[in-house]
Structures are given as structure tokens and as C-alpha cells.
N, C-alpha and C. Protein backbone atom coordinates (compact mmCIF):
# COMPACT_ATOMS: atom_id res chain seq x y z
N MET A 1 80.86 92.10 130.79
CA MET A 1 81.61 91.86 129.99
C MET A 1 81.71 90.72 129.58
N GLY A 2 81.76 89.45 130.14
CA GLY A 2 82.22 88.16 129.42
C GLY A 2 81.10 87.92 128.95
N THR A 3 79.89 87.69 129.34
CA THR A 3 78.89 87.72 128.38
C THR A 3 78.31 88.50 126.91
N ILE A 4 79.30 89.65 126.39
CA ILE A 4 79.15 90.27 125.65
C ILE A 4 79.29 89.13 124.32
N SER A 5 78.05 89.42 123.08
CA SER A 5 78.48 88.70 122.38
C SER A 5 79.43 89.22 121.26
N THR A 6 80.07 88.40 120.07
CA THR A 6 81.13 88.84 119.77
C THR A 6 80.68 90.15 118.31
N THR A 7 79.01 90.15 118.54
CA THR A 7 78.55 90.86 117.11
C THR A 7 79.00 92.11 117.80
N LYS A 8 78.22 92.18 119.09
CA LYS A 8 78.16 93.44 119.78
C LYS A 8 79.52 93.85 120.10
N LEU A 9 81.00 93.05 120.58
CA LEU A 9 82.30 93.67 120.24
C LEU A 9 82.29 94.18 119.60
N ALA A 10 82.27 93.54 118.67
CA ALA A 10 82.83 94.16 117.37
C ALA A 10 82.19 95.63 116.78
N GLY A 11 80.90 95.38 117.22
CA GLY A 11 80.79 96.89 117.37
C GLY A 11 81.24 98.28 118.30
N PHE A 12 81.87 97.50 119.43
CA PHE A 12 81.84 98.70 119.90
C PHE A 12 83.49 98.74 119.59
N SER A 13 83.58 98.02 118.99
CA SER A 13 85.56 98.09 118.70
C SER A 13 85.44 98.85 117.26
N ILE A 14 84.58 98.88 116.18
CA ILE A 14 84.46 99.36 115.27
C ILE A 14 84.08 101.35 115.70
N ALA A 15 83.24 101.51 116.58
CA ALA A 15 82.91 102.67 116.79
C ALA A 15 84.21 103.11 117.63
N LEU A 16 84.58 102.69 118.83
CA LEU A 16 85.72 103.47 119.49
C LEU A 16 87.15 103.51 118.87
N GLY A 17 87.57 102.43 118.19
CA GLY A 17 88.98 101.95 118.24
C GLY A 17 89.73 103.55 117.30
N PRO A 18 88.62 103.18 115.71
CA PRO A 18 89.19 104.77 115.09
C PRO A 18 88.95 106.27 115.62
N VAL A 19 88.00 106.26 117.15
CA VAL A 19 87.77 107.81 117.82
C VAL A 19 89.18 107.87 118.93
N ILE A 20 89.44 106.77 119.25
CA ILE A 20 90.86 106.78 120.43
C ILE A 20 91.98 107.11 119.48
N ALA A 21 92.14 106.56 118.10
CA ALA A 21 93.40 106.49 117.37
C ALA A 21 93.43 108.05 117.13
N VAL A 22 92.01 108.45 116.58
CA VAL A 22 92.16 109.74 116.13
C VAL A 22 92.57 110.80 116.93
N ILE A 23 92.04 110.61 117.76
CA ILE A 23 91.83 111.85 119.15
C ILE A 23 93.13 112.06 119.50
N PHE A 24 94.09 110.63 119.78
CA PHE A 24 95.53 110.97 120.69
C PHE A 24 96.68 110.89 118.94
N TYR A 25 96.15 110.74 117.41
CA TYR A 25 96.98 111.14 116.63
C TYR A 25 97.16 112.94 116.40
N PHE A 26 96.13 113.74 116.73
CA PHE A 26 96.26 114.99 116.74
C PHE A 26 96.34 115.42 118.11
N LEU A 27 96.33 114.67 119.20
CA LEU A 27 97.42 115.11 120.13
C LEU A 27 98.98 114.58 120.16
N GLN A 28 99.27 113.70 119.24
CA GLN A 28 100.78 113.53 119.52
C GLN A 28 101.49 115.34 119.00
N PRO A 29 102.66 115.03 119.82
CA PRO A 29 103.28 115.71 119.57
C PRO A 29 104.10 116.14 118.39
N GLY A 30 104.10 117.67 117.26
CA GLY A 30 104.49 117.62 116.38
C GLY A 30 103.12 117.43 114.77
N ILE A 31 102.32 116.72 115.48
CA ILE A 31 100.95 116.57 114.38
C ILE A 31 100.06 117.89 114.49
N ALA A 32 99.18 118.05 115.23
CA ALA A 32 98.45 119.34 115.31
C ALA A 32 98.40 120.07 116.26
N LEU A 33 97.86 119.69 116.99
CA LEU A 33 97.70 120.31 118.52
C LEU A 33 98.52 121.22 119.49
N ILE A 34 100.08 119.80 119.02
CA ILE A 34 101.18 119.93 120.50
C ILE A 34 102.08 120.21 119.73
N ASP A 35 102.88 121.42 120.01
CA ASP A 35 103.89 122.14 118.77
C ASP A 35 103.75 121.24 117.36
N GLN A 36 102.90 121.62 116.81
CA GLN A 36 102.57 121.64 115.81
C GLN A 36 104.42 121.72 114.79
N ALA A 37 104.52 120.77 113.73
CA ALA A 37 106.14 121.25 112.52
C ALA A 37 105.43 120.47 111.44
N ASP A 38 105.79 121.20 110.87
CA ASP A 38 106.61 120.50 109.68
C ASP A 38 106.86 118.88 108.80
N PRO A 39 106.09 117.60 109.01
CA PRO A 39 106.21 116.42 108.68
C PRO A 39 107.75 116.21 108.12
N ALA A 40 108.33 116.83 107.05
CA ALA A 40 109.13 116.91 106.24
C ALA A 40 110.23 117.57 106.94
N ASP A 41 110.21 118.30 108.16
CA ASP A 41 110.81 119.10 108.58
C ASP A 41 112.04 117.88 109.69
N ALA A 42 112.39 117.48 110.03
CA ALA A 42 113.50 116.36 111.34
C ALA A 42 113.65 117.09 112.20
N THR A 43 114.31 117.68 112.31
CA THR A 43 114.30 118.23 113.00
C THR A 43 113.46 118.92 114.42
N ALA A 44 112.35 119.78 113.58
CA ALA A 44 111.45 120.23 114.70
C ALA A 44 110.53 118.82 114.93
N VAL A 45 110.15 117.73 114.30
CA VAL A 45 109.67 116.69 114.48
C VAL A 45 110.30 116.02 115.58
N ILE A 46 111.63 115.98 115.24
CA ILE A 46 112.11 115.58 117.07
C ILE A 46 112.05 116.42 118.32
N ASN A 47 112.50 117.91 117.89
CA ASN A 47 112.70 118.80 119.10
C ASN A 47 110.51 118.26 119.44
N ALA A 48 109.67 118.42 118.82
CA ALA A 48 108.27 118.01 119.21
C ALA A 48 108.46 117.14 119.96
N LEU A 49 109.53 116.00 119.66
CA LEU A 49 108.67 114.29 120.32
C LEU A 49 109.31 114.42 121.48
N THR A 50 110.55 115.05 121.65
CA THR A 50 111.65 114.87 122.64
C THR A 50 110.95 115.90 123.88
N ALA A 51 110.62 117.10 123.33
CA ALA A 51 110.07 118.29 124.49
C ALA A 51 108.97 118.24 124.87
N ASN A 52 107.93 116.54 124.38
CA ASN A 52 106.90 116.61 125.04
C ASN A 52 106.77 114.60 125.18
N SER A 53 107.94 114.38 126.14
CA SER A 53 108.32 112.55 125.89
C SER A 53 107.36 111.76 126.25
N GLY A 54 106.47 112.26 127.55
CA GLY A 54 105.66 111.80 127.92
C GLY A 54 104.50 111.44 126.80
N LEU A 55 103.80 112.46 126.95
CA LEU A 55 102.99 111.94 126.08
C LEU A 55 103.18 111.50 124.72
N THR A 56 104.00 111.66 124.32
CA THR A 56 104.90 111.03 122.49
C THR A 56 104.47 109.61 122.93
N THR A 57 105.66 109.16 124.50
CA THR A 57 104.82 107.64 124.97
C THR A 57 103.42 106.98 124.79
N LEU A 58 102.67 108.01 125.51
CA LEU A 58 101.15 107.95 125.88
C LEU A 58 100.28 108.01 124.28
N THR A 59 100.42 108.94 123.16
CA THR A 59 100.02 108.90 121.98
C THR A 59 100.52 107.82 121.02
N GLY A 60 101.88 107.35 121.47
CA GLY A 60 102.09 106.33 120.22
C GLY A 60 100.90 104.94 120.97
N ILE A 61 101.47 104.83 121.68
CA ILE A 61 100.67 102.95 122.79
C ILE A 61 99.35 103.36 122.12
N LEU A 62 98.47 104.45 122.66
CA LEU A 62 96.99 104.26 122.73
C LEU A 62 96.88 104.56 120.96
N ILE A 63 97.66 105.21 120.03
CA ILE A 63 97.06 105.14 118.77
C ILE A 63 97.04 104.13 118.32
N SER A 64 98.49 103.33 118.61
CA SER A 64 98.34 101.85 118.00
C SER A 64 97.44 100.74 118.55
N VAL A 65 96.69 101.21 119.93
CA VAL A 65 95.82 100.21 120.24
C VAL A 65 94.29 100.73 119.90
N GLY A 66 94.60 102.13 119.47
CA GLY A 66 92.62 102.09 118.82
C GLY A 66 93.07 101.44 117.41
N LEU A 67 93.67 101.61 116.66
CA LEU A 67 93.98 100.86 115.11
C LEU A 67 93.57 99.09 115.57
N VAL A 68 94.09 98.53 116.50
CA VAL A 68 93.96 97.43 116.74
C VAL A 68 92.33 97.47 117.12
N ILE A 69 91.93 97.83 117.92
CA ILE A 69 90.51 97.89 118.69
C ILE A 69 90.01 98.09 116.86
N LEU A 70 90.44 99.05 116.52
CA LEU A 70 89.32 99.11 115.42
C LEU A 70 89.57 98.42 114.10
N VAL A 71 91.01 97.21 113.94
CA VAL A 71 90.45 96.56 112.98
C VAL A 71 90.10 95.21 113.48
N TYR A 72 89.87 94.81 114.63
CA TYR A 72 89.48 93.76 115.02
C TYR A 72 87.39 93.34 114.45
N GLY A 73 87.25 94.80 114.48
CA GLY A 73 85.65 95.01 114.08
C GLY A 73 85.52 95.31 112.95
N ILE A 74 86.74 95.71 112.02
CA ILE A 74 86.50 95.50 110.92
C ILE A 74 86.64 94.13 109.67
N PHE A 75 87.75 93.00 110.40
CA PHE A 75 88.13 92.13 110.11
C PHE A 75 86.82 90.84 110.57
N PHE A 76 86.03 91.31 111.80
CA PHE A 76 84.87 90.78 112.27
C PHE A 76 83.24 91.16 110.90
N ILE A 77 83.71 92.20 110.25
CA ILE A 77 82.45 92.45 109.08
C ILE A 77 83.10 91.83 107.69
N ALA A 78 84.29 91.90 107.65
CA ALA A 78 84.81 91.45 106.49
C ALA A 78 84.59 89.82 106.54
N GLY A 79 84.68 88.85 107.68
CA GLY A 79 83.85 87.53 107.90
C GLY A 79 83.07 87.57 107.78
N GLU A 80 81.98 88.17 108.12
CA GLU A 80 80.74 88.38 107.57
C GLU A 80 80.04 88.80 106.17
N ILE A 81 81.08 89.15 105.19
CA ILE A 81 81.04 89.74 104.13
C ILE A 81 81.71 87.81 103.33
N ARG A 82 82.51 87.54 103.60
CA ARG A 82 83.67 86.42 102.94
C ARG A 82 82.81 85.67 102.60
N GLY A 83 82.92 84.76 101.50
CA GLY A 83 81.76 83.71 100.93
C GLY A 83 80.65 83.66 101.28
N ASN A 84 79.75 85.06 100.99
CA ASN A 84 78.03 85.32 101.45
C ASN A 84 77.67 86.57 100.48
N GLY A 85 78.23 86.07 99.25
CA GLY A 85 77.50 86.94 98.57
C GLY A 85 78.54 87.96 97.97
N ASN A 86 77.75 89.36 97.54
CA ASN A 86 78.17 91.15 97.16
C ASN A 86 79.23 91.31 98.12
N GLY A 87 80.70 91.45 97.47
CA GLY A 87 81.59 91.85 98.49
C GLY A 87 82.55 91.49 98.64
N ASP A 88 82.04 89.73 98.39
CA ASP A 88 83.47 88.47 98.74
C ASP A 88 84.88 89.10 98.31
N ALA A 89 84.55 88.99 97.19
CA ALA A 89 86.74 89.41 96.74
C ALA A 89 87.04 90.39 97.17
N LEU A 90 86.45 91.43 97.42
CA LEU A 90 86.72 92.91 97.69
C LEU A 90 87.54 92.59 99.25
N VAL A 91 86.88 92.00 99.97
CA VAL A 91 87.11 92.11 101.37
C VAL A 91 88.57 91.35 101.21
N ARG A 92 88.69 90.07 100.81
CA ARG A 92 89.79 89.38 100.41
C ARG A 92 91.25 90.41 100.13
N TYR A 93 90.80 91.28 99.21
CA TYR A 93 91.92 92.14 99.24
C TYR A 93 92.04 93.00 100.40
N ALA A 94 91.25 93.48 100.55
CA ALA A 94 91.27 94.48 101.40
C ALA A 94 91.76 94.11 103.25
N VAL A 95 91.54 92.70 103.20
CA VAL A 95 92.15 92.17 105.07
C VAL A 95 93.44 92.22 104.32
N PRO A 96 94.58 91.98 104.09
CA PRO A 96 95.41 91.91 104.08
C PRO A 96 96.56 92.89 103.84
N MET A 97 95.97 93.89 103.04
CA MET A 97 96.09 95.18 103.26
C MET A 97 96.19 95.85 104.08
N ILE A 98 94.84 95.59 105.10
CA ILE A 98 94.58 96.35 106.33
C ILE A 98 95.55 96.32 107.55
N LEU A 99 95.90 95.03 107.64
CA LEU A 99 97.21 94.09 107.92
C LEU A 99 98.11 94.72 107.97
N ILE A 100 98.68 95.00 106.75
CA ILE A 100 100.11 95.50 106.67
C ILE A 100 100.07 96.61 106.99
N GLY A 101 98.94 97.32 106.93
CA GLY A 101 99.59 98.77 107.37
C GLY A 101 98.95 98.87 108.55
N LEU A 102 98.52 98.43 109.67
CA LEU A 102 98.24 97.76 111.00
C LEU A 102 99.87 97.76 111.44
N VAL A 103 100.86 96.75 111.08
CA VAL A 103 101.33 96.26 111.57
C VAL A 103 102.82 97.76 111.43
N GLY A 104 102.64 97.83 110.09
CA GLY A 104 103.35 99.34 109.95
C GLY A 104 103.24 100.56 110.75
N PHE A 105 101.77 100.95 110.88
CA PHE A 105 101.74 102.34 111.97
C PHE A 105 102.52 101.30 113.23
N ILE A 106 102.03 100.21 113.72
CA ILE A 106 102.77 100.10 115.26
C ILE A 106 104.00 100.01 115.20
N PHE A 107 104.93 99.81 114.25
CA PHE A 107 106.33 99.76 113.86
C PHE A 107 106.96 101.17 113.82
N GLY A 108 105.72 101.98 113.36
CA GLY A 108 105.85 103.58 113.13
C GLY A 108 106.04 104.19 115.04
N ASN A 109 105.09 103.50 115.52
CA ASN A 109 104.64 104.39 116.38
C ASN A 109 105.51 104.36 117.51
N GLY A 110 106.29 102.86 117.26
CA GLY A 110 107.29 102.38 118.33
C GLY A 110 108.46 103.01 117.95
N ILE A 111 109.20 103.27 116.81
CA ILE A 111 109.68 104.53 116.55
C ILE A 111 109.86 105.87 117.11
N ILE A 112 108.50 106.22 117.00
CA ILE A 112 108.10 107.65 117.32
C ILE A 112 108.46 107.74 118.99
N VAL A 113 107.94 107.01 119.47
CA VAL A 113 108.06 106.23 121.15
C VAL A 113 109.77 106.78 121.25
N SER A 114 110.61 105.75 120.81
CA SER A 114 111.93 105.60 120.68
C SER A 114 112.44 106.98 120.17
N ILE A 115 112.10 108.13 119.29
CA ILE A 115 112.72 109.17 119.40
C ILE A 115 112.53 110.68 120.55
N GLY A 116 111.28 109.84 121.09
CA GLY A 116 110.46 110.62 122.34
C GLY A 116 111.34 110.76 123.60
N SER A 117 112.47 109.67 123.61
CA SER A 117 112.66 109.18 124.65
C SER A 117 114.40 109.45 124.61
N ASP A 118 114.30 110.50 123.48
CA ASP A 118 115.97 111.34 123.22
C ASP A 118 117.08 110.08 123.37
N VAL A 119 117.00 109.95 122.23
CA VAL A 119 118.06 108.70 121.53
C VAL A 119 119.39 109.11 121.11
N GLY A 120 119.29 110.85 121.31
CA GLY A 120 120.51 111.36 121.13
C GLY A 120 120.62 111.78 119.28
N THR A 121 122.16 111.23 119.04
CA THR A 121 122.52 111.10 117.07
C THR A 121 121.84 110.45 116.48
N SER A 122 121.06 109.66 116.96
CA SER A 122 120.20 108.46 116.03
C SER A 122 118.90 108.62 115.84
N ALA A 123 118.30 110.04 116.16
CA ALA A 123 116.75 110.64 116.33
C ALA A 123 117.22 110.89 114.98
N ALA A 124 117.70 111.63 114.46
CA ALA A 124 117.47 111.51 113.06
C ALA A 124 117.84 110.67 111.93
N PRO A 125 118.33 109.40 112.04
CA PRO A 125 118.13 108.18 110.82
C PRO A 125 117.11 107.63 111.17
N LEU A 126 116.84 107.41 112.74
CA LEU A 126 115.50 106.88 113.30
C LEU A 126 114.36 107.75 112.64
N PHE A 127 114.17 108.65 112.77
CA PHE A 127 112.83 109.52 112.46
C PHE A 127 112.79 109.17 110.28
N HIS A 128 113.63 108.97 109.99
CA HIS A 128 113.28 108.78 108.46
C HIS A 128 113.64 107.57 108.22
N VAL A 129 113.33 106.82 109.06
CA VAL A 129 113.08 105.15 108.40
C VAL A 129 111.57 104.96 109.42
N GLY A 130 111.11 105.99 110.17
CA GLY A 130 110.06 105.67 110.71
C GLY A 130 108.93 106.48 109.57
N SER A 131 109.31 107.43 108.74
CA SER A 131 108.48 108.19 108.01
C SER A 131 108.45 107.39 106.78
N GLY A 132 109.39 106.56 106.45
CA GLY A 132 109.24 105.40 105.49
C GLY A 132 108.16 104.46 105.90
N ILE A 133 108.86 104.25 106.68
CA ILE A 133 107.40 102.54 107.42
C ILE A 133 106.07 103.81 107.48
N ALA A 134 105.64 104.17 108.07
CA ALA A 134 104.42 105.24 107.96
C ALA A 134 103.95 105.69 106.80
N GLY A 135 104.62 105.93 105.67
CA GLY A 135 104.21 106.66 104.45
C GLY A 135 103.89 105.12 103.74
N ILE A 136 104.71 104.21 103.88
CA ILE A 136 104.02 102.71 103.21
C ILE A 136 102.92 102.18 104.03
N ALA A 137 103.08 102.47 105.39
CA ALA A 137 101.53 101.70 105.78
C ALA A 137 100.70 102.18 105.20
N GLY A 138 100.93 103.50 105.62
CA GLY A 138 99.30 104.86 104.43
C GLY A 138 98.93 104.57 103.48
N ILE A 139 99.93 104.17 102.95
CA ILE A 139 99.05 103.94 101.29
C ILE A 139 98.52 102.37 101.38
N PHE A 140 98.86 101.49 102.44
CA PHE A 140 98.65 100.12 102.16
C PHE A 140 96.82 99.62 102.64
N PHE A 141 97.13 100.88 104.63
CA PHE A 141 95.80 101.10 104.93
C PHE A 141 94.82 101.79 104.05
N SER A 142 95.33 102.80 103.28
CA SER A 142 94.20 103.58 102.43
C SER A 142 93.79 102.66 101.30
N LEU A 143 94.86 101.84 100.66
CA LEU A 143 93.98 100.90 99.76
C LEU A 143 93.13 100.09 100.24
N GLY A 144 93.43 98.75 101.46
CA GLY A 144 92.95 98.19 101.66
C GLY A 144 91.27 98.79 102.25
N PHE A 145 91.09 100.09 102.92
CA PHE A 145 89.82 100.61 103.30
C PHE A 145 89.14 100.85 102.21
N LEU A 146 89.44 101.30 101.00
CA LEU A 146 88.85 101.66 99.54
C LEU A 146 88.56 100.00 99.47
N ALA A 147 89.36 99.40 99.37
CA ALA A 147 88.39 97.85 98.87
C ALA A 147 87.56 97.35 99.88
N PHE A 148 87.75 97.57 101.46
CA PHE A 148 86.44 97.48 102.09
C PHE A 148 85.71 98.19 102.26
N PHE A 149 85.61 99.29 101.65
CA PHE A 149 84.11 100.15 102.11
C PHE A 149 83.71 99.83 100.53
N LEU A 150 84.72 100.15 99.11
CA LEU A 150 83.51 99.09 98.12
C LEU A 150 83.00 98.29 98.28
N ALA A 151 83.61 96.88 99.16
CA ALA A 151 82.54 96.05 99.68
C ALA A 151 81.27 96.22 100.06
N LEU A 152 81.42 96.89 101.29
CA LEU A 152 80.24 97.46 101.74
C LEU A 152 79.30 97.93 101.42
N ALA A 153 79.69 98.43 100.18
CA ALA A 153 79.17 99.76 99.15
C ALA A 153 77.80 98.72 98.47
N SER A 154 78.36 97.54 98.22
CA SER A 154 77.73 96.35 97.31
C SER A 154 76.17 95.88 98.79
N ARG A 155 76.32 96.34 99.93
CA ARG A 155 76.12 95.65 100.45
C ARG A 155 74.51 96.57 101.06
N GLU A 156 73.27 95.92 100.80
CA GLU A 156 72.75 97.46 101.55
C GLU A 156 72.74 97.52 103.19
N GLU A 157 72.72 96.57 104.07
CA GLU A 157 72.87 96.14 104.90
C GLU A 157 74.25 97.24 105.83
N TYR A 158 74.87 97.40 104.93
CA TYR A 158 75.92 98.88 105.47
C TYR A 158 75.78 100.04 104.76
N ASN A 159 74.49 100.44 104.71
CA ASN A 159 74.49 101.88 104.68
C ASN A 159 75.27 102.27 103.51
N SER A 160 74.51 101.45 102.06
CA SER A 160 76.28 101.51 100.72
C SER A 160 76.15 102.81 100.60
N THR A 161 75.40 103.55 100.52
CA THR A 161 74.89 105.34 100.37
C THR A 161 76.65 106.08 100.92
N LEU A 162 76.49 105.61 101.81
CA LEU A 162 77.92 106.53 102.46
C LEU A 162 78.83 105.76 103.00
N ALA A 163 78.67 104.09 102.36
CA ALA A 163 79.81 103.76 102.03
C ALA A 163 80.47 104.55 100.41
N TYR A 164 79.79 104.47 99.54
CA TYR A 164 80.33 105.57 98.60
C TYR A 164 80.92 106.57 98.16
N ILE A 165 80.36 106.66 99.65
CA ILE A 165 80.72 108.71 99.85
C ILE A 165 82.46 108.49 100.04
N VAL A 166 82.16 107.26 101.32
CA VAL A 166 83.89 107.18 102.25
C VAL A 166 84.27 105.65 101.05
N SER A 167 84.30 105.59 99.75
CA SER A 167 85.16 105.10 99.27
C SER A 167 85.67 106.15 98.59
N VAL A 168 85.18 107.51 98.11
CA VAL A 168 85.42 108.29 97.61
C VAL A 168 86.44 108.86 98.42
N VAL A 169 86.52 109.24 99.03
CA VAL A 169 87.03 109.94 100.49
C VAL A 169 88.70 108.79 100.05
N SER A 170 88.35 107.51 100.78
CA SER A 170 89.46 106.59 100.15
C SER A 170 90.57 106.63 98.82
N VAL A 171 89.41 107.19 97.72
CA VAL A 171 90.45 106.86 96.80
C VAL A 171 91.03 108.47 97.05
N ILE A 172 91.27 109.68 97.38
CA ILE A 172 91.41 110.94 97.90
C ILE A 172 92.76 110.30 98.72
N THR A 173 92.43 109.65 99.71
CA THR A 173 93.58 109.22 100.92
C THR A 173 94.76 108.42 100.11
N VAL A 174 94.37 107.82 99.41
CA VAL A 174 95.65 106.59 98.25
C VAL A 174 96.18 108.01 97.79
N VAL A 175 95.72 108.74 96.80
CA VAL A 175 96.54 110.03 96.05
C VAL A 175 97.09 110.40 96.82
N VAL A 176 96.63 111.22 97.59
CA VAL A 176 97.97 111.92 98.52
C VAL A 176 99.19 111.48 99.38
N SER A 177 98.57 110.01 99.65
CA SER A 177 99.28 109.13 100.69
C SER A 177 100.98 108.95 99.58
N ILE A 178 100.46 108.47 98.29
CA ILE A 178 101.32 108.44 97.27
C ILE A 178 102.09 109.38 97.12
N ILE A 179 101.60 110.69 96.84
CA ILE A 179 101.99 112.13 97.10
C ILE A 179 103.05 112.10 97.59
N GLY A 180 102.77 112.36 98.91
CA GLY A 180 103.18 112.57 100.61
C GLY A 180 104.87 111.75 100.25
N PHE A 181 104.62 110.55 100.14
CA PHE A 181 105.46 109.35 100.36
C PHE A 181 106.41 109.59 99.23
N SER A 182 106.36 109.48 98.32
CA SER A 182 107.35 110.16 97.17
C SER A 182 107.82 111.16 97.41
N ASP A 183 107.17 112.12 97.48
CA ASP A 183 107.63 113.61 97.77
C ASP A 183 107.44 114.25 99.29
N ASN A 184 108.79 114.51 100.51
CA ASN A 184 108.72 114.71 101.28
C ASN A 184 108.26 116.29 101.60
N SER A 185 108.16 117.16 100.32
CA SER A 185 108.07 118.42 100.30
C SER A 185 106.99 118.42 100.53
N GLN A 186 105.93 117.78 99.88
CA GLN A 186 104.47 117.78 100.15
C GLN A 186 103.73 117.47 101.48
N LEU A 187 104.41 116.77 102.21
CA LEU A 187 104.15 116.28 103.28
C LEU A 187 103.04 117.14 104.10
N GLU A 188 103.61 118.05 104.01
CA GLU A 188 102.39 118.52 104.96
C GLU A 188 101.20 118.68 104.88
N TRP A 189 100.96 119.24 103.70
CA TRP A 189 99.19 119.49 103.02
C TRP A 189 98.59 117.85 102.93
N THR A 190 99.37 116.95 102.22
CA THR A 190 99.22 115.88 102.45
C THR A 190 98.67 114.67 103.89
N SER A 191 99.16 115.35 104.56
CA SER A 191 99.06 114.57 106.12
C SER A 191 98.06 115.42 106.78
N GLY A 192 97.96 117.08 106.13
CA GLY A 192 96.59 117.17 106.29
C GLY A 192 95.08 116.37 106.00
N VAL A 193 95.58 116.85 104.94
CA VAL A 193 94.09 116.19 104.22
C VAL A 193 93.98 114.49 104.52
N ASN A 194 95.02 113.83 104.53
CA ASN A 194 94.81 112.47 105.49
C ASN A 194 94.09 112.50 106.52
N GLY A 195 94.62 113.29 107.41
CA GLY A 195 93.60 113.98 108.78
C GLY A 195 92.33 114.21 108.82
N ILE A 196 91.90 114.46 107.79
CA ILE A 196 90.53 114.84 107.86
C ILE A 196 89.95 113.70 107.16
N GLY A 197 90.47 112.66 106.28
CA GLY A 197 89.66 111.14 105.12
C GLY A 197 89.91 110.59 107.06
N TYR A 198 90.56 110.51 108.08
CA TYR A 198 90.50 109.30 109.31
C TYR A 198 89.21 110.12 109.58
N VAL A 199 89.28 111.19 110.12
CA VAL A 199 87.98 112.15 110.75
C VAL A 199 86.46 111.60 110.08
N ILE A 200 86.83 111.22 108.20
CA ILE A 200 85.26 111.36 107.75
C ILE A 200 85.10 109.25 108.04
N PHE A 201 86.11 108.73 107.87
CA PHE A 201 86.43 107.84 108.08
C PHE A 201 85.40 107.03 109.70
N THR A 202 86.54 107.82 110.66
CA THR A 202 85.58 107.89 111.78
C THR A 202 83.95 107.30 112.35
N ILE A 203 83.91 108.94 111.23
CA ILE A 203 82.26 108.88 111.56
C ILE A 203 81.32 108.01 110.89
N TYR A 204 81.87 107.54 109.89
CA TYR A 204 81.42 106.41 109.17
C TYR A 204 81.44 104.59 109.94
N SER A 205 82.67 104.90 110.61
CA SER A 205 82.71 104.11 111.73
C SER A 205 82.17 103.84 112.86
N ILE A 206 81.80 104.95 113.69
CA ILE A 206 80.56 105.10 114.70
C ILE A 206 79.34 104.76 114.44
N ILE A 207 79.14 105.01 112.90
CA ILE A 207 77.55 104.72 111.78
C ILE A 207 77.51 102.99 112.14
N LEU A 208 78.36 102.55 111.72
CA LEU A 208 78.71 100.93 111.50
C LEU A 208 78.53 100.62 112.57
N GLY A 209 79.42 101.05 113.70
CA GLY A 209 79.64 100.16 115.11
C GLY A 209 77.99 99.95 115.82
N LYS A 210 77.16 101.19 115.48
CA LYS A 210 76.28 101.88 116.19
C LYS A 210 75.05 100.48 115.56
N ASP A 211 75.23 100.05 114.42
CA ASP A 211 74.02 99.41 113.71
C ASP A 211 74.24 98.00 114.14
N LEU A 212 75.63 97.79 114.62
CA LEU A 212 76.01 96.20 114.99
C LEU A 212 75.58 96.11 116.62
N ILE A 213 75.84 97.09 116.92
CA ILE A 213 75.50 97.02 118.81
C ILE A 213 73.99 96.94 119.04
N SER A 214 72.74 97.61 117.61
CA SER A 214 71.82 97.43 118.17
C SER A 214 71.19 96.53 117.35
N ARG A 215 72.17 95.57 116.47
CA ARG A 215 71.18 94.53 115.74
C ARG A 215 70.79 93.17 116.57
N GLU A 216 69.77 92.98 115.60
CA GLU A 216 68.83 91.62 116.67
C GLU A 216 69.60 89.92 116.47
N GLU A 217 70.17 89.17 117.76
CA GLU A 217 70.88 88.45 117.40
C GLU A 217 69.55 87.05 117.61
């Protein structure tokens, strides 16, 4: 592993990172597969997290790790594009937005893990703080990926047709993220739409990663 090229490492990262993040996102208590709860219902979500504290800790850590791995691969591609023709300006916008979103999601998952450890009466305030952080992080992440995918769409080597399709999905996730952030009563369906969007992003990321891994150096 010590001799792996940076290109191949980026390829593995961009392919595996989102898979790890999405799998453990859906396994996180209260989200979809384990004790599903309305994300706007603080009591229901807190109960799901505390009833499955071990899984809450595991998913909080591995979602964060998966996102970091993904972002490493994203930044590698951004580095290839920066200062190298089409897409340069867009990736310069994308990188800080994605980084802010990443930090927000890591903080948000830290709060989720804290709630899962049964912090008592402070759980509800923590939940609302975590929801706010996750909401703004989701908006920045979606905007960053929109700029990133539009940059890829301007270059044939990154499968521009698929990049345009995923850019449209990114627009949808930006809109629904803003709706969910501004109106908690809409969180249940907006979270579902965003989850589908992340699955689509993951499929495209796997394709990008495969292309990087197989690239001749």
C-alpha cells in the first residue's frame, strides 16, 4: 500500500468514501432502517439514538470517516482541474463550500454520538443545535457539489454527460435542503429526497473512482 500512486489512492477514496458514508447513514438509528423517526420530532429521534447507543456511535464515526475519504478524492480531482482550463473557476468555489459542509457534518455527527450516550435533559437542546449545524452543512455541501459537478461537466475526461445529470440532481438537493432548513415540518420528505440524491452521487463517484484507478500513468 505504501507504493500506491496518488491517482489510484484518490480513485479508491472517491469510490469507497461515499459508499461507506451512505451505508452507515441509512443504518444510523432514526434515519431509515433502524427505528425510523420523523427528523423534526426531537423526542422520537433522541429515543432512537439512545436506544441504540452503540450503533449510534459506530455510524456517527463511520459516516464522518467516509465523508473525509470522499473529500480527499474530490480535492484530488479539483487539483487536476484548478489552473488547467475549463472548470477552474467552478472548482475554486466548490472546494471551500465542500470543506465547510464536511466540517459541519463532522460536528453534527459528534453531537449525535453525544446524544446517543444518553446525556439526559441536555439531549433536546443538543438535538436542535445538531439539526441546525446539519442543515447549514447540507446546504454548503450541496452547493459545493453543484459547482464541482458543473466543473466536471465542462470536461470530457470526467464523463460530462453523467456530470450534467448529477448537476441537475444537485440543484434539487440544494433546493430541498433550503426548504428543510427553513421549515422543520418539511424535514421528513426533504431528508428522503436528499438521501436519494446522495445515492445518485455515490453511483457517479464510483464511476469517477473506477476511471481514476484504471488511468494510465
